[in-house]
N, C-alpha and C. Protein backbone atom coordinates (compact mmCIF):
# COMPACT_ATOMS: atom_id res chain seq x y z
N MET A 1 60.57 3.53 -27.42
CA MET A 1 59.56 2.50 -27.60
C MET A 1 58.26 3.19 -27.99
N SER A 2 57.62 2.65 -29.01
CA SER A 2 56.35 3.24 -29.45
C SER A 2 55.24 2.93 -28.45
N LYS A 3 54.17 3.67 -28.58
CA LYS A 3 53.03 3.45 -27.68
C LYS A 3 52.46 2.05 -27.86
N ILE A 4 52.43 1.56 -29.09
CA ILE A 4 51.90 0.21 -29.34
C ILE A 4 52.81 -0.83 -28.72
N SER A 5 54.13 -0.68 -28.85
CA SER A 5 55.07 -1.62 -28.24
C SER A 5 54.92 -1.61 -26.73
N ALA A 6 54.78 -0.43 -26.15
CA ALA A 6 54.61 -0.31 -24.70
C ALA A 6 53.32 -0.98 -24.25
N LEU A 7 52.26 -0.82 -25.05
CA LEU A 7 50.98 -1.46 -24.73
C LEU A 7 51.11 -2.98 -24.75
N PHE A 8 51.76 -3.51 -25.79
CA PHE A 8 51.95 -4.97 -25.87
C PHE A 8 52.82 -5.47 -24.72
N ALA A 9 53.83 -4.71 -24.35
CA ALA A 9 54.68 -5.10 -23.22
C ALA A 9 53.87 -5.15 -21.93
N ALA A 10 53.00 -4.15 -21.73
CA ALA A 10 52.15 -4.10 -20.53
C ALA A 10 51.18 -5.27 -20.52
N ILE A 11 50.58 -5.57 -21.66
CA ILE A 11 49.65 -6.71 -21.76
C ILE A 11 50.38 -8.01 -21.45
N ALA A 12 51.60 -8.17 -21.97
CA ALA A 12 52.38 -9.38 -21.71
C ALA A 12 52.66 -9.54 -20.22
N LEU A 13 52.99 -8.44 -19.53
CA LEU A 13 53.24 -8.50 -18.09
C LEU A 13 51.98 -8.91 -17.33
N VAL A 14 50.84 -8.36 -17.74
CA VAL A 14 49.58 -8.72 -17.08
C VAL A 14 49.28 -10.20 -17.28
N VAL A 15 49.44 -10.69 -18.51
CA VAL A 15 49.17 -12.10 -18.81
C VAL A 15 50.10 -12.99 -18.01
N VAL A 16 51.38 -12.66 -17.98
CA VAL A 16 52.34 -13.44 -17.19
C VAL A 16 51.95 -13.39 -15.72
N GLY A 17 51.60 -12.20 -15.23
CA GLY A 17 51.18 -12.06 -13.83
C GLY A 17 49.97 -12.91 -13.50
N ILE A 18 48.99 -12.92 -14.39
CA ILE A 18 47.79 -13.75 -14.19
C ILE A 18 48.19 -15.22 -14.17
N GLY A 19 49.07 -15.60 -15.07
CA GLY A 19 49.54 -16.99 -15.10
C GLY A 19 50.23 -17.39 -13.82
N VAL A 20 51.07 -16.51 -13.28
CA VAL A 20 51.77 -16.80 -12.03
C VAL A 20 50.76 -16.92 -10.90
N PHE A 21 49.78 -16.01 -10.83
CA PHE A 21 48.76 -16.07 -9.79
C PHE A 21 47.97 -17.38 -9.89
N THR A 22 47.62 -17.77 -11.12
CA THR A 22 46.87 -19.01 -11.31
C THR A 22 47.68 -20.21 -10.84
N VAL A 23 48.98 -20.24 -11.18
CA VAL A 23 49.84 -21.34 -10.74
C VAL A 23 49.91 -21.37 -9.22
N ARG A 24 50.08 -20.20 -8.58
CA ARG A 24 50.13 -20.16 -7.12
C ARG A 24 48.81 -20.62 -6.52
N ALA A 25 47.70 -20.20 -7.11
CA ALA A 25 46.38 -20.61 -6.59
C ALA A 25 46.22 -22.11 -6.72
N ARG A 26 46.63 -22.67 -7.87
CA ARG A 26 46.52 -24.12 -8.05
C ARG A 26 47.40 -24.86 -7.06
N ALA A 27 48.60 -24.34 -6.83
CA ALA A 27 49.51 -25.00 -5.89
C ALA A 27 48.88 -25.06 -4.50
N ALA A 28 48.21 -23.98 -4.08
CA ALA A 28 47.55 -23.99 -2.77
C ALA A 28 46.41 -25.00 -2.76
N ASP A 29 45.64 -25.05 -3.86
CA ASP A 29 44.53 -25.98 -3.93
C ASP A 29 45.01 -27.43 -3.94
N ASP A 30 46.20 -27.68 -4.52
CA ASP A 30 46.74 -29.04 -4.54
C ASP A 30 46.95 -29.57 -3.13
N ASN A 31 47.18 -28.68 -2.17
CA ASN A 31 47.39 -29.08 -0.78
C ASN A 31 46.09 -29.26 -0.02
N MET A 32 44.98 -28.95 -0.65
CA MET A 32 43.70 -28.97 0.03
C MET A 32 43.31 -30.40 0.41
N PRO A 33 42.96 -30.62 1.68
CA PRO A 33 42.46 -31.94 2.06
C PRO A 33 41.19 -32.28 1.27
N GLN A 34 41.02 -33.53 0.95
CA GLN A 34 39.92 -33.97 0.09
C GLN A 34 38.85 -34.73 0.88
N VAL A 35 37.70 -34.86 0.27
CA VAL A 35 36.61 -35.65 0.85
C VAL A 35 37.14 -37.06 1.09
N GLY A 36 36.83 -37.58 2.26
CA GLY A 36 37.26 -38.93 2.63
C GLY A 36 38.49 -38.94 3.52
N GLN A 37 39.25 -37.85 3.53
CA GLN A 37 40.43 -37.75 4.38
C GLN A 37 40.05 -37.27 5.77
N MET A 38 40.89 -37.61 6.74
CA MET A 38 40.71 -37.04 8.07
C MET A 38 41.09 -35.57 8.00
N ALA A 39 40.32 -34.74 8.65
CA ALA A 39 40.60 -33.30 8.68
C ALA A 39 41.86 -33.06 9.51
N PRO A 40 42.80 -32.28 8.98
CA PRO A 40 43.99 -31.97 9.77
C PRO A 40 43.62 -31.26 11.07
N ASN A 41 44.17 -31.76 12.17
CA ASN A 41 43.90 -31.14 13.46
C ASN A 41 44.67 -29.83 13.58
N PHE A 42 44.19 -28.95 14.43
CA PHE A 42 44.85 -27.67 14.68
C PHE A 42 44.39 -27.16 16.02
N SER A 43 45.09 -26.16 16.50
CA SER A 43 44.70 -25.43 17.70
C SER A 43 45.02 -23.96 17.45
N LEU A 44 43.98 -23.12 17.54
CA LEU A 44 44.11 -21.69 17.28
C LEU A 44 43.35 -20.90 18.33
N PRO A 45 43.75 -19.65 18.58
CA PRO A 45 43.02 -18.83 19.55
C PRO A 45 41.71 -18.29 18.96
N SER A 46 40.69 -18.29 19.81
CA SER A 46 39.37 -17.78 19.42
C SER A 46 39.27 -16.29 19.72
N GLN A 47 38.12 -15.72 19.40
CA GLN A 47 37.88 -14.31 19.70
C GLN A 47 37.92 -14.04 21.20
N GLU A 48 37.80 -15.09 22.00
CA GLU A 48 37.87 -14.95 23.46
C GLU A 48 39.29 -15.14 23.98
N GLY A 49 40.24 -15.41 23.06
CA GLY A 49 41.63 -15.60 23.45
C GLY A 49 41.94 -17.00 23.95
N LYS A 50 40.97 -17.92 23.88
CA LYS A 50 41.17 -19.30 24.32
C LYS A 50 41.52 -20.17 23.13
N ASP A 51 42.48 -21.08 23.31
CA ASP A 51 42.83 -22.00 22.23
C ASP A 51 41.70 -23.00 22.01
N VAL A 52 41.37 -23.21 20.76
CA VAL A 52 40.33 -24.15 20.36
C VAL A 52 40.96 -25.11 19.36
N SER A 53 40.78 -26.40 19.58
CA SER A 53 41.32 -27.39 18.65
C SER A 53 40.18 -28.12 17.95
N LEU A 54 40.46 -28.58 16.76
CA LEU A 54 39.47 -29.35 16.03
C LEU A 54 39.15 -30.64 16.79
N SER A 55 40.18 -31.25 17.37
CA SER A 55 39.97 -32.52 18.08
C SER A 55 39.03 -32.36 19.28
N SER A 56 38.92 -31.15 19.83
CA SER A 56 38.01 -30.92 20.97
C SER A 56 36.54 -30.97 20.54
N MET A 57 36.29 -30.97 19.23
CA MET A 57 34.92 -30.99 18.72
C MET A 57 34.52 -32.37 18.22
N LYS A 58 35.37 -33.36 18.46
CA LYS A 58 35.06 -34.72 18.02
C LYS A 58 33.71 -35.13 18.60
N GLY A 59 32.91 -35.80 17.80
CA GLY A 59 31.57 -36.19 18.21
C GLY A 59 30.51 -35.21 17.70
N LYS A 60 30.96 -34.10 17.11
CA LYS A 60 30.05 -33.12 16.53
C LYS A 60 30.39 -32.93 15.05
N TRP A 61 29.41 -32.50 14.30
CA TRP A 61 29.66 -32.05 12.93
C TRP A 61 30.33 -30.68 13.04
N VAL A 62 31.27 -30.41 12.17
CA VAL A 62 31.95 -29.11 12.18
C VAL A 62 31.88 -28.50 10.79
N VAL A 63 31.40 -27.26 10.75
CA VAL A 63 31.42 -26.46 9.54
C VAL A 63 32.62 -25.53 9.71
N LEU A 64 33.73 -25.90 9.07
CA LEU A 64 34.98 -25.14 9.16
C LEU A 64 35.06 -24.26 7.93
N TYR A 65 34.83 -22.96 8.14
CA TYR A 65 34.84 -22.08 6.98
C TYR A 65 35.95 -21.05 7.08
N PHE A 66 36.65 -20.88 5.96
CA PHE A 66 37.72 -19.91 5.84
C PHE A 66 37.17 -18.69 5.12
N TYR A 67 37.57 -17.51 5.58
CA TYR A 67 37.08 -16.28 4.97
C TYR A 67 38.19 -15.23 4.97
N PRO A 68 38.13 -14.28 4.02
CA PRO A 68 39.23 -13.34 3.84
C PRO A 68 39.47 -12.32 4.96
N LYS A 69 38.44 -11.60 5.42
CA LYS A 69 38.71 -10.46 6.31
C LYS A 69 37.50 -10.07 7.13
N ASP A 70 37.72 -9.90 8.43
CA ASP A 70 36.67 -9.42 9.32
C ASP A 70 36.10 -8.08 8.83
N MET A 71 34.82 -7.92 9.03
CA MET A 71 34.11 -6.66 8.83
C MET A 71 34.14 -6.15 7.39
N THR A 72 34.35 -7.04 6.43
CA THR A 72 34.21 -6.65 5.02
C THR A 72 32.84 -7.13 4.55
N THR A 73 32.38 -6.61 3.46
CA THR A 73 31.00 -6.85 3.03
C THR A 73 30.66 -8.34 2.89
N GLY A 74 31.39 -9.06 2.04
CA GLY A 74 31.08 -10.47 1.82
C GLY A 74 31.22 -11.32 3.07
N CYS A 75 32.27 -11.04 3.84
CA CYS A 75 32.52 -11.82 5.06
C CYS A 75 31.45 -11.54 6.12
N THR A 76 30.96 -10.31 6.16
CA THR A 76 29.89 -9.97 7.11
C THR A 76 28.59 -10.65 6.70
N ILE A 77 28.29 -10.65 5.41
CA ILE A 77 27.08 -11.33 4.92
C ILE A 77 27.15 -12.82 5.27
N GLU A 78 28.29 -13.44 4.98
CA GLU A 78 28.44 -14.88 5.26
C GLU A 78 28.29 -15.16 6.76
N ALA A 79 28.94 -14.36 7.60
CA ALA A 79 28.85 -14.55 9.04
C ALA A 79 27.42 -14.34 9.55
N HIS A 80 26.73 -13.32 9.05
CA HIS A 80 25.34 -13.08 9.46
C HIS A 80 24.45 -14.27 9.08
N ASN A 81 24.66 -14.82 7.91
CA ASN A 81 23.84 -15.97 7.50
C ASN A 81 24.09 -17.18 8.38
N PHE A 82 25.35 -17.43 8.72
CA PHE A 82 25.63 -18.52 9.67
C PHE A 82 25.00 -18.23 11.03
N GLN A 83 25.10 -16.97 11.48
CA GLN A 83 24.51 -16.59 12.76
C GLN A 83 22.99 -16.77 12.74
N ASN A 84 22.35 -16.35 11.66
CA ASN A 84 20.90 -16.49 11.54
C ASN A 84 20.45 -17.95 11.58
N ASP A 85 21.30 -18.84 11.09
CA ASP A 85 20.97 -20.27 11.04
C ASP A 85 21.59 -21.06 12.19
N LEU A 86 22.22 -20.38 13.13
CA LEU A 86 22.99 -21.05 14.18
C LEU A 86 22.16 -22.07 14.97
N GLN A 87 20.93 -21.74 15.31
CA GLN A 87 20.10 -22.67 16.08
C GLN A 87 19.80 -23.94 15.27
N LYS A 88 19.64 -23.80 13.96
CA LYS A 88 19.43 -24.98 13.10
C LYS A 88 20.65 -25.88 13.12
N TYR A 89 21.84 -25.26 13.05
CA TYR A 89 23.07 -26.05 13.12
C TYR A 89 23.20 -26.76 14.46
N ARG A 90 22.95 -26.03 15.51
CA ARG A 90 23.09 -26.62 16.85
C ARG A 90 22.09 -27.75 17.05
N ALA A 91 20.90 -27.62 16.48
CA ALA A 91 19.90 -28.69 16.58
C ALA A 91 20.36 -29.95 15.85
N MET A 92 21.29 -29.79 14.90
CA MET A 92 21.84 -30.93 14.16
C MET A 92 23.22 -31.33 14.68
N ASN A 93 23.55 -30.91 15.91
CA ASN A 93 24.82 -31.26 16.55
C ASN A 93 26.02 -30.77 15.73
N ALA A 94 25.91 -29.54 15.21
CA ALA A 94 26.98 -28.98 14.37
C ALA A 94 27.50 -27.67 14.96
N GLU A 95 28.80 -27.51 14.85
CA GLU A 95 29.47 -26.29 15.28
C GLU A 95 29.90 -25.50 14.05
N ILE A 96 29.76 -24.19 14.11
CA ILE A 96 30.26 -23.29 13.07
C ILE A 96 31.59 -22.73 13.58
N VAL A 97 32.63 -22.84 12.75
CA VAL A 97 33.95 -22.33 13.12
C VAL A 97 34.50 -21.57 11.92
N GLY A 98 34.71 -20.26 12.10
CA GLY A 98 35.29 -19.44 11.05
C GLY A 98 36.76 -19.21 11.30
N VAL A 99 37.56 -19.21 10.23
CA VAL A 99 39.01 -18.98 10.35
C VAL A 99 39.43 -17.93 9.34
N SER A 100 40.17 -16.94 9.83
CA SER A 100 40.83 -15.97 8.95
C SER A 100 42.19 -15.66 9.54
N VAL A 101 42.96 -14.85 8.83
CA VAL A 101 44.30 -14.48 9.32
C VAL A 101 44.25 -13.22 10.18
N ASP A 102 43.05 -12.73 10.46
CA ASP A 102 42.89 -11.56 11.33
C ASP A 102 43.28 -11.90 12.77
N SER A 103 43.54 -10.87 13.56
CA SER A 103 43.95 -11.03 14.95
C SER A 103 42.77 -11.42 15.85
N VAL A 104 43.09 -11.89 17.03
CA VAL A 104 42.08 -12.20 18.04
C VAL A 104 41.26 -10.94 18.33
N ASN A 105 41.93 -9.81 18.46
CA ASN A 105 41.24 -8.56 18.75
C ASN A 105 40.28 -8.16 17.63
N SER A 106 40.70 -8.36 16.39
CA SER A 106 39.82 -8.08 15.25
C SER A 106 38.58 -8.97 15.30
N HIS A 107 38.78 -10.25 15.60
CA HIS A 107 37.64 -11.18 15.72
C HIS A 107 36.70 -10.74 16.86
N LYS A 108 37.29 -10.33 17.96
CA LYS A 108 36.49 -9.89 19.11
C LYS A 108 35.62 -8.69 18.71
N GLN A 109 36.21 -7.73 17.99
CA GLN A 109 35.46 -6.56 17.54
C GLN A 109 34.37 -6.95 16.55
N PHE A 110 34.70 -7.85 15.62
CA PHE A 110 33.74 -8.33 14.62
C PHE A 110 32.54 -8.99 15.30
N CYS A 111 32.82 -9.85 16.27
CA CYS A 111 31.74 -10.54 16.99
C CYS A 111 30.87 -9.55 17.77
N ALA A 112 31.50 -8.59 18.42
CA ALA A 112 30.75 -7.60 19.20
C ALA A 112 29.91 -6.71 18.28
N LYS A 113 30.51 -6.22 17.22
CA LYS A 113 29.83 -5.31 16.29
C LYS A 113 28.65 -5.98 15.60
N ASP A 114 28.82 -7.27 15.25
CA ASP A 114 27.81 -7.95 14.44
C ASP A 114 27.04 -9.03 15.21
N SER A 115 27.16 -9.05 16.53
CA SER A 115 26.44 -9.99 17.39
C SER A 115 26.62 -11.44 16.93
N LEU A 116 27.86 -11.83 16.72
CA LEU A 116 28.17 -13.20 16.31
C LEU A 116 28.42 -14.06 17.54
N ASN A 117 27.73 -15.19 17.61
CA ASN A 117 27.81 -16.07 18.79
C ASN A 117 28.41 -17.43 18.46
N PHE A 118 29.26 -17.50 17.45
CA PHE A 118 29.95 -18.75 17.15
C PHE A 118 31.45 -18.46 17.13
N THR A 119 32.24 -19.48 17.01
CA THR A 119 33.68 -19.38 17.16
C THR A 119 34.37 -18.85 15.90
N LEU A 120 35.19 -17.83 16.10
CA LEU A 120 36.09 -17.34 15.06
C LEU A 120 37.51 -17.58 15.55
N LEU A 121 38.34 -18.15 14.70
CA LEU A 121 39.71 -18.47 15.08
C LEU A 121 40.70 -17.62 14.30
N SER A 122 41.76 -17.22 14.99
CA SER A 122 42.79 -16.37 14.41
C SER A 122 43.99 -17.22 13.99
N ASP A 123 44.30 -17.16 12.70
CA ASP A 123 45.44 -17.89 12.15
C ASP A 123 46.45 -16.88 11.59
N GLN A 124 46.99 -16.05 12.47
CA GLN A 124 47.91 -15.02 12.02
C GLN A 124 49.20 -15.60 11.44
N ASP A 125 49.58 -16.81 11.86
CA ASP A 125 50.77 -17.46 11.29
C ASP A 125 50.47 -18.09 9.93
N LYS A 126 49.19 -18.16 9.58
CA LYS A 126 48.73 -18.66 8.28
C LYS A 126 49.05 -20.14 8.05
N LYS A 127 49.31 -20.87 9.10
CA LYS A 127 49.65 -22.29 8.97
C LYS A 127 48.43 -23.15 8.66
N VAL A 128 47.33 -22.91 9.35
CA VAL A 128 46.12 -23.70 9.15
C VAL A 128 45.50 -23.36 7.80
N VAL A 129 45.47 -22.07 7.47
CA VAL A 129 44.95 -21.65 6.16
C VAL A 129 45.73 -22.38 5.05
N ALA A 130 47.04 -22.42 5.17
CA ALA A 130 47.87 -23.10 4.16
C ALA A 130 47.63 -24.61 4.19
N GLU A 131 47.54 -25.20 5.38
CA GLU A 131 47.33 -26.65 5.50
C GLU A 131 46.02 -27.09 4.86
N TYR A 132 45.03 -26.21 4.86
CA TYR A 132 43.74 -26.50 4.25
C TYR A 132 43.65 -25.99 2.81
N GLY A 133 44.81 -25.66 2.20
CA GLY A 133 44.83 -25.24 0.80
C GLY A 133 43.98 -24.02 0.53
N SER A 134 43.89 -23.13 1.50
CA SER A 134 42.97 -22.00 1.41
C SER A 134 43.67 -20.64 1.48
N MET A 135 44.91 -20.60 1.01
CA MET A 135 45.67 -19.35 1.03
C MET A 135 45.49 -18.62 -0.30
N ALA A 136 45.35 -17.31 -0.21
CA ALA A 136 45.24 -16.47 -1.40
C ALA A 136 46.17 -15.26 -1.23
N ASN A 137 46.62 -14.75 -2.34
CA ASN A 137 47.38 -13.51 -2.35
C ASN A 137 46.46 -12.42 -2.86
N TYR A 138 46.33 -11.36 -2.09
CA TYR A 138 45.49 -10.24 -2.49
C TYR A 138 46.27 -8.96 -2.27
N MET A 139 46.62 -8.30 -3.35
CA MET A 139 47.37 -7.04 -3.28
C MET A 139 48.61 -7.16 -2.39
N GLY A 140 49.33 -8.27 -2.53
CA GLY A 140 50.55 -8.47 -1.79
C GLY A 140 50.36 -9.01 -0.38
N MET A 141 49.12 -9.22 0.03
CA MET A 141 48.84 -9.77 1.37
C MET A 141 48.37 -11.21 1.23
N LYS A 142 48.74 -12.03 2.19
CA LYS A 142 48.24 -13.40 2.23
C LYS A 142 46.99 -13.43 3.10
N ILE A 143 45.89 -13.87 2.51
CA ILE A 143 44.62 -13.95 3.22
C ILE A 143 44.01 -15.33 2.95
N ALA A 144 42.93 -15.62 3.62
CA ALA A 144 42.24 -16.90 3.41
C ALA A 144 41.27 -16.78 2.25
N LYS A 145 41.18 -17.85 1.47
CA LYS A 145 40.16 -17.96 0.44
C LYS A 145 38.85 -18.33 1.10
N ARG A 146 37.77 -18.10 0.41
CA ARG A 146 36.44 -18.42 0.93
C ARG A 146 36.12 -19.89 0.61
N ASN A 147 36.63 -20.79 1.46
CA ASN A 147 36.42 -22.23 1.31
C ASN A 147 35.80 -22.78 2.58
N THR A 148 35.04 -23.86 2.45
CA THR A 148 34.39 -24.48 3.61
C THR A 148 34.57 -25.98 3.56
N PHE A 149 34.78 -26.56 4.74
CA PHE A 149 34.92 -28.00 4.90
C PHE A 149 33.86 -28.48 5.89
N LEU A 150 33.07 -29.46 5.48
CA LEU A 150 32.12 -30.09 6.39
C LEU A 150 32.80 -31.35 6.91
N ILE A 151 32.92 -31.41 8.23
CA ILE A 151 33.64 -32.50 8.89
C ILE A 151 32.65 -33.28 9.74
N ASN A 152 32.66 -34.60 9.58
CA ASN A 152 31.70 -35.43 10.33
C ASN A 152 32.16 -35.64 11.77
N PRO A 153 31.32 -36.23 12.63
CA PRO A 153 31.67 -36.40 14.04
C PRO A 153 32.92 -37.25 14.29
N GLU A 154 33.33 -38.04 13.30
CA GLU A 154 34.55 -38.85 13.45
C GLU A 154 35.80 -38.08 13.01
N GLY A 155 35.61 -36.87 12.48
CA GLY A 155 36.74 -36.06 12.07
C GLY A 155 37.12 -36.18 10.60
N LYS A 156 36.25 -36.79 9.81
CA LYS A 156 36.52 -36.99 8.39
C LYS A 156 35.83 -35.89 7.57
N ILE A 157 36.52 -35.42 6.54
CA ILE A 157 35.95 -34.42 5.64
C ILE A 157 34.94 -35.12 4.72
N VAL A 158 33.71 -34.61 4.72
CA VAL A 158 32.67 -35.23 3.91
C VAL A 158 32.19 -34.34 2.76
N LYS A 159 32.56 -33.06 2.80
CA LYS A 159 32.19 -32.14 1.72
C LYS A 159 33.14 -30.95 1.75
N VAL A 160 33.51 -30.47 0.55
CA VAL A 160 34.36 -29.28 0.42
C VAL A 160 33.70 -28.32 -0.57
N TRP A 161 33.62 -27.07 -0.19
CA TRP A 161 33.15 -26.02 -1.08
C TRP A 161 34.31 -25.05 -1.28
N THR A 162 34.56 -24.64 -2.52
CA THR A 162 35.60 -23.65 -2.79
C THR A 162 34.97 -22.44 -3.46
N GLY A 163 35.54 -21.27 -3.16
CA GLY A 163 35.06 -20.03 -3.78
C GLY A 163 33.58 -19.82 -3.61
N VAL A 164 33.09 -19.96 -2.40
CA VAL A 164 31.64 -19.95 -2.15
C VAL A 164 31.02 -18.56 -2.31
N ASP A 165 29.74 -18.54 -2.56
CA ASP A 165 28.95 -17.31 -2.61
C ASP A 165 28.45 -17.05 -1.19
N PRO A 166 28.91 -15.99 -0.54
CA PRO A 166 28.53 -15.75 0.85
C PRO A 166 27.04 -15.52 1.05
N ASN A 167 26.33 -15.13 -0.01
CA ASN A 167 24.90 -14.83 0.11
C ASN A 167 24.05 -16.07 0.36
N HIS A 168 24.48 -17.22 -0.15
CA HIS A 168 23.65 -18.44 -0.07
C HIS A 168 24.36 -19.62 0.58
N HIS A 169 25.56 -19.39 1.06
CA HIS A 169 26.37 -20.51 1.49
C HIS A 169 25.80 -21.25 2.70
N SER A 170 25.31 -20.54 3.68
CA SER A 170 24.78 -21.21 4.86
C SER A 170 23.63 -22.16 4.48
N GLN A 171 22.79 -21.74 3.55
CA GLN A 171 21.68 -22.59 3.09
C GLN A 171 22.22 -23.85 2.42
N GLU A 172 23.29 -23.70 1.61
CA GLU A 172 23.91 -24.86 0.94
C GLU A 172 24.45 -25.85 1.97
N VAL A 173 25.13 -25.30 2.98
CA VAL A 173 25.74 -26.16 4.00
C VAL A 173 24.65 -26.87 4.80
N LEU A 174 23.60 -26.14 5.18
CA LEU A 174 22.50 -26.76 5.92
C LEU A 174 21.86 -27.90 5.13
N ALA A 175 21.63 -27.68 3.85
CA ALA A 175 21.02 -28.71 3.00
C ALA A 175 21.92 -29.94 2.93
N GLU A 176 23.22 -29.73 2.78
CA GLU A 176 24.17 -30.85 2.70
C GLU A 176 24.23 -31.59 4.04
N LEU A 177 24.25 -30.84 5.12
CA LEU A 177 24.30 -31.44 6.46
C LEU A 177 23.05 -32.31 6.69
N LYS A 178 21.88 -31.80 6.33
CA LYS A 178 20.64 -32.58 6.46
C LYS A 178 20.74 -33.86 5.64
N SER A 179 21.23 -33.75 4.42
CA SER A 179 21.37 -34.92 3.53
C SER A 179 22.34 -35.93 4.13
N MET A 180 23.45 -35.46 4.65
CA MET A 180 24.46 -36.37 5.24
C MET A 180 23.89 -37.07 6.48
N GLN A 181 23.15 -36.35 7.27
CA GLN A 181 22.60 -36.95 8.49
C GLN A 181 21.51 -37.96 8.18
N LYS A 182 20.78 -37.76 7.08
CA LYS A 182 19.77 -38.76 6.68
C LYS A 182 20.44 -40.07 6.27
N LYS A 183 21.62 -39.96 5.64
CA LYS A 183 22.36 -41.15 5.18
C LYS A 183 22.96 -41.93 6.35
N SER A 184 23.24 -41.22 7.45
CA SER A 184 23.90 -41.87 8.59
C SER A 184 22.99 -42.80 9.36
C-alpha cells in the first residue's frame, strides 16, 4: 500500500470514528429529560457516604450539575465557582448537587482538598448519568458530560444547559434562577 493510500485509509477511519462518536453522543442526548418534564428521581451516595435522593429536596430549587472528573482543571473551576456563590444560592432556597462517576472516596478527597461545602454524588454505576442523557465516552472510559439541570421546588425541569463553560456557568445559573423566581 502506498503512503497516500495509507493516509486516505487513516483519514477514513478517523472520519468514521468521529461519525460513530457523534451518533453515540446524539443517542445519549436523545434520552435527556427536557424542560417541562418532571426530573427523574434518584438516590446516590454523597461524599459523606449517605444516600441522597432528589425527592428529599422537594420544596427547594435544585441545581443538578454533571461533571467529568474530580480534581481536574475544568471541574475544579466549576466547583469553586459554585462554592463561591453558595450563599447566594442558599439565600434563594437552592441546593447545588454535583454528580460524576467518581467514587465516594474521590468526592470526599475533592471536597477536603478544595473546601467544597455542597453535595457531590457518586454514580459509579452510571445509571443516573445515563438517565439524564449526560454520558460521554472519553478515551474508552464512560464519564459524565458537563450538563446542568435547574429543577424547581415541585421537581420539574425548568432549564437545561449542555456543554457548559465552567468559567462562567455559576453566574449563568444564578441569573436564570433569579429570573425564574421573579416569574413565580
